[in-house]
Protein backbone atom coordinates (compact mmCIF):
# COMPACT_ATOMS: atom_id res chain seq x y z
CA MET A 1 26.24 -4.10 11.34
CA ASN A 2 24.35 -2.13 8.49
CA LYS A 3 23.58 1.42 9.79
CA PHE A 4 20.84 1.80 7.40
CA GLU A 5 17.21 1.35 8.48
CA GLU A 6 14.19 1.60 5.82
CA HIS A 7 14.94 1.64 2.16
CA ILE A 8 13.52 4.51 0.26
CA LEU A 9 12.94 5.13 -3.48
CA ILE A 10 13.47 8.99 -4.61
CA VAL A 11 11.87 9.61 -8.15
CA ASP A 12 12.65 12.78 -9.79
CA ASP A 13 14.00 14.11 -13.19
CA ASP A 14 16.07 16.62 -11.44
CA ASP A 15 19.49 15.51 -10.80
CA GLY A 16 20.03 18.05 -8.29
CA ILE A 17 17.08 17.11 -6.25
CA ARG A 18 17.85 13.22 -6.30
CA ASN A 19 21.49 13.99 -5.11
CA LEU A 20 20.57 16.20 -2.48
CA VAL A 21 17.68 14.03 -1.12
CA LYS A 22 19.83 11.10 -1.25
CA GLN A 23 22.73 12.26 0.66
CA TYR A 24 20.52 13.86 3.21
CA LEU A 25 18.55 10.57 3.78
CA ASN A 26 21.77 8.62 3.73
CA ASP A 27 23.06 10.77 6.59
CA ASN A 28 20.05 10.18 8.47
CA ASN A 29 20.61 6.42 8.27
CA TYR A 30 18.03 5.60 5.28
CA LEU A 31 19.11 3.34 2.18
CA VAL A 32 18.24 5.23 -0.81
CA THR A 33 17.69 4.11 -4.48
CA THR A 34 17.07 6.58 -7.04
CA ALA A 35 15.13 6.84 -10.46
CA ASN A 36 14.93 9.60 -13.19
CA ASN A 37 11.31 8.80 -14.32
CA ALA A 38 8.42 6.62 -13.67
CA GLU A 39 9.66 3.86 -16.22
CA ASP A 40 12.73 3.67 -14.29
CA ALA A 41 10.93 3.57 -10.91
CA LYS A 42 8.68 0.76 -12.23
CA LYS A 43 11.70 -1.32 -13.18
CA LYS A 44 13.34 -1.03 -9.77
CA THR A 45 10.20 -1.85 -7.88
CA ASP A 46 9.74 -4.95 -9.78
CA ILE A 47 13.05 -6.19 -8.40
CA LEU A 48 13.44 -4.40 -5.13
CA LYS A 49 11.25 -3.90 -2.12
CA PHE A 50 10.97 -0.44 -0.93
CA ASP A 51 9.49 1.02 2.53
CA LEU A 52 8.47 4.23 0.79
CA ILE A 53 8.49 6.09 -2.14
CA VAL A 54 9.28 9.79 -2.79
CA LEU A 55 7.90 10.68 -6.16
CA ASP A 56 7.78 13.74 -8.40
CA ILE A 57 4.51 14.59 -10.21
CA MET A 58 5.75 16.54 -13.01
CA MET A 59 8.20 14.36 -15.03
CA PRO A 60 8.65 13.65 -18.75
CA GLY A 61 6.52 10.66 -19.86
CA LYS A 62 4.46 9.07 -17.21
CA SER A 63 3.62 11.21 -14.48
CA GLY A 64 4.03 10.63 -10.68
CA LEU A 65 0.09 10.84 -10.55
CA GLU A 66 -0.14 8.21 -13.12
CA PHE A 67 2.35 6.04 -11.43
CA THR A 68 0.55 6.26 -8.22
CA LYS A 69 -2.85 5.36 -9.71
CA GLU A 70 -1.27 2.57 -11.58
CA TYR A 71 0.90 0.80 -9.24
CA LYS A 72 0.30 2.06 -5.59
CA ASN A 73 -2.24 -0.88 -4.65
CA ARG A 74 -0.09 -3.44 -6.11
CA LEU A 75 3.13 -2.38 -4.53
CA ASN A 76 1.37 -1.50 -1.29
CA THR A 77 4.07 0.98 -0.40
CA PRO A 78 3.50 4.34 0.97
CA ILE A 79 4.11 7.11 -1.29
CA ILE A 80 5.01 11.09 -0.75
CA LEU A 81 4.51 13.16 -3.75
CA LEU A 82 6.41 16.13 -4.89
CA THR A 83 5.26 18.85 -7.16
CA ALA A 84 6.26 22.29 -8.16
CA LYS A 85 2.48 23.03 -8.03
CA GLY A 86 1.24 24.10 -4.59
CA GLU A 87 -2.40 24.73 -5.44
CA ALA A 88 -5.08 22.52 -3.33
CA SER A 89 -6.37 21.05 -6.38
CA GLU A 90 -2.96 19.37 -7.13
CA ARG A 91 -2.80 18.15 -3.43
CA VAL A 92 -6.39 16.65 -3.60
CA LYS A 93 -5.59 14.86 -6.88
CA GLY A 94 -2.38 13.48 -5.39
CA LEU A 95 -4.20 12.19 -2.49
CA GLU A 96 -7.31 10.87 -4.42
CA THR A 97 -4.87 8.62 -6.48
CA GLY A 98 -3.53 7.02 -3.19
CA ALA A 99 -0.74 9.07 -2.10
CA ASP A 100 -0.09 9.00 1.64
CA ASP A 101 1.35 12.59 1.80
CA TYR A 102 2.09 15.66 -0.40
CA LEU A 103 4.99 18.05 -0.33
CA PRO A 104 5.21 21.09 -2.74
CA LYS A 105 8.68 22.24 -4.03
CA PRO A 106 10.71 23.95 -3.04
CA PHE A 107 10.94 22.02 0.51
CA GLU A 108 13.38 21.77 3.26
CA PRO A 109 14.98 18.43 3.40
CA LYS A 110 14.25 18.28 7.10
CA GLU A 111 10.78 18.63 6.52
CA LEU A 112 10.63 15.77 4.02
CA LEU A 113 12.47 13.66 6.67
CA LEU A 114 10.02 14.34 9.31
CA ARG A 115 7.13 13.35 6.97
CA ILE A 116 9.10 10.28 6.07
CA LYS A 117 9.42 9.32 9.70
CA ASN A 118 5.83 10.01 10.30
CA ILE A 119 4.65 7.65 7.53
CA LEU A 120 7.11 4.89 8.34
CA HIS A 121 5.95 5.06 12.01
CA LYS A 122 2.39 4.69 10.97
CA THR A 123 3.30 1.91 8.71
CA ARG A 124 5.20 0.01 11.34
CA ASN A 125 2.20 0.23 13.71
CA LEU A 126 -0.07 -1.25 11.05
CA LYS A 127 2.29 -4.27 10.29
CA SER A 128 2.75 -4.90 14.03
CA GLU A 129 -1.23 -5.21 14.12
CA ARG A 130 -1.32 -8.42 12.04
CA VAL A 131 -3.21 -10.71 14.66
CA VAL A 132 -6.76 -10.01 14.53
CA GLU A 133 -9.79 -11.58 16.45
CA PHE A 134 -13.31 -11.02 16.16
CA GLY A 135 -16.23 -13.33 16.98
CA ASN A 136 -14.79 -16.96 17.04
CA VAL A 137 -12.23 -15.98 14.50
CA LYS A 138 -8.58 -15.29 14.56
CA ILE A 139 -6.60 -14.40 11.70
CA ASP A 140 -2.76 -14.20 12.03
CA LEU A 141 -1.14 -12.68 8.95
CA ASN A 142 2.50 -13.29 10.29
CA LYS A 143 2.03 -17.03 10.47
CA LEU A 144 -0.58 -17.12 7.68
CA PHE A 145 -3.40 -19.06 9.27
CA ILE A 146 -7.19 -18.50 10.19
CA ILE A 147 -8.62 -20.22 13.35
CA ASN A 148 -12.40 -20.41 13.27
CA SER A 149 -14.22 -22.36 15.97
CA ASN A 150 -11.02 -24.44 16.82
CA LYS A 151 -10.44 -25.28 13.18
CA GLN A 152 -7.38 -24.02 11.64
CA TYR A 153 -7.17 -23.07 7.93
CA LYS A 154 -4.15 -21.90 5.83
CA ILE A 155 -3.89 -18.58 4.26
CA ASN A 156 -2.03 -18.25 0.75
CA ASN A 157 -0.30 -15.07 -0.29
CA THR A 158 -3.19 -13.83 -2.41
CA GLU A 159 -5.53 -14.24 0.44
CA LYS A 160 -3.04 -12.69 2.68
CA ILE A 161 -2.80 -9.50 0.56
CA ILE A 162 -6.45 -9.18 0.27
CA LEU A 163 -7.07 -9.63 3.84
CA GLU A 164 -4.51 -7.18 4.93
CA LYS A 165 -6.03 -4.59 2.90
CA MET A 166 -9.40 -5.12 4.46
CA ILE A 167 -8.22 -5.62 7.82
CA ASN A 168 -6.71 -2.18 7.81
CA SER A 169 -9.91 -0.47 6.17
CA PRO A 170 -12.55 -2.45 7.88
CA GLY A 171 -15.96 -1.04 6.62
CA GLN A 172 -14.58 0.17 3.30
CA VAL A 173 -16.04 -1.65 0.22
CA PHE A 174 -13.71 -3.05 -2.49
CA SER A 175 -14.82 -3.47 -5.79
CA ARG A 176 -13.91 -6.46 -7.88
CA ASP A 177 -11.69 -4.34 -10.02
CA GLU A 178 -10.03 -2.68 -6.92
CA ILE A 179 -9.18 -6.34 -5.43
CA ALA A 180 -8.07 -7.40 -8.97
CA ASP A 181 -5.52 -4.59 -8.91
CA ILE A 182 -4.37 -5.36 -5.38
CA ILE A 183 -3.53 -8.85 -6.11
CA GLY A 184 -2.32 -8.27 -9.81
CA LEU A 185 -4.99 -10.48 -11.34
CA GLU A 186 -6.69 -9.77 -14.65
CA LYS A 187 -9.59 -12.09 -14.69
CA GLU A 188 -12.13 -10.45 -12.46
CA ARG A 189 -14.56 -13.41 -12.04
CA SER A 190 -11.74 -15.11 -10.23
CA ILE A 191 -12.26 -12.80 -7.48
CA ASP A 192 -15.51 -14.43 -6.45
CA VAL A 193 -13.77 -17.74 -6.23
CA ILE A 194 -11.21 -16.28 -3.82
CA ILE A 195 -13.88 -14.52 -1.64
CA THR A 196 -15.82 -17.96 -1.53
CA ARG A 197 -12.65 -19.66 -0.40
CA LEU A 198 -11.94 -16.97 2.43
CA ARG A 199 -15.54 -17.25 3.56
CA LYS A 200 -15.29 -20.85 4.05
CA LYS A 201 -12.53 -19.94 6.62
CA ILE A 202 -14.05 -17.10 8.26
CA GLU A 203 -17.79 -17.67 8.10
CA ASP A 204 -19.84 -20.10 10.17
CA ASN A 205 -22.66 -19.60 7.60
CA GLN A 206 -21.23 -19.02 4.20
CA LYS A 207 -24.74 -18.37 2.61
CA ASN A 208 -25.32 -15.51 4.96
CA PRO A 209 -22.03 -14.26 5.90
CA LYS A 210 -21.73 -11.91 8.93
CA TYR A 211 -18.18 -10.58 8.28
CA LEU A 212 -17.05 -10.94 4.72
CA GLN A 213 -20.21 -9.53 3.01
CA THR A 214 -21.14 -8.71 -0.50
CA ILE A 215 -22.58 -5.24 -1.04
CA ARG A 216 -24.77 -5.86 -4.30
CA GLY A 217 -23.45 -3.77 -7.25
CA SER A 218 -20.47 -2.48 -5.43
CA GLY A 219 -17.99 -5.09 -4.12
CA TYR A 220 -17.16 -6.77 -0.91
CA VAL A 221 -16.62 -5.46 2.73
CA LEU A 222 -15.10 -6.85 5.77
CA TRP A 223 -16.93 -5.99 8.98
CA ILE A 224 -14.82 -6.79 12.21
CA GLU A 225 -16.59 -6.23 15.54
């Protein structure tokens, strides 16, 4: 039986930090892959699925902030940023790009471990809440279907990703650009087609939607009662 639990990617140009963190997390039952820069990390995220990424901000080439801003939504993976800068402004920048937590260097490996456990615990709880009911609608993201007034509709992978984001952030407005980035779609106008398709499965009156609404000039929002 494999002793490892979740799979973590450590991205840092410092060999000593990478090796130290990898050994410490291995000793605490985490499978660890390492990368020495953002480009290397991107290659590994293209072929492997990670449960969490520990990412240094200050690296040669693309910075950790740039990596987070560019890939966070598409990867849908929690990120902890590491940096030698402990100023509040750097922390705010990191969190604004979509990072889930922030840890200044130097740090104690035990503190990093505790932060990892905390984030993964929250992530597991979110993943377990993948059956949502509101009004006459039941959305099951595990079995990939929507039931609306006793009619069952299938959900494709693109629809699942959008719904998952919206369900986890009820009341948050998502612009077309943000949705396109989440699903890796370049043609912005195609978003309207996907939303229309989802409305057919969720709404009783598509012309006057109650749940999946358009916010003029801003984007789309899912209101869950």
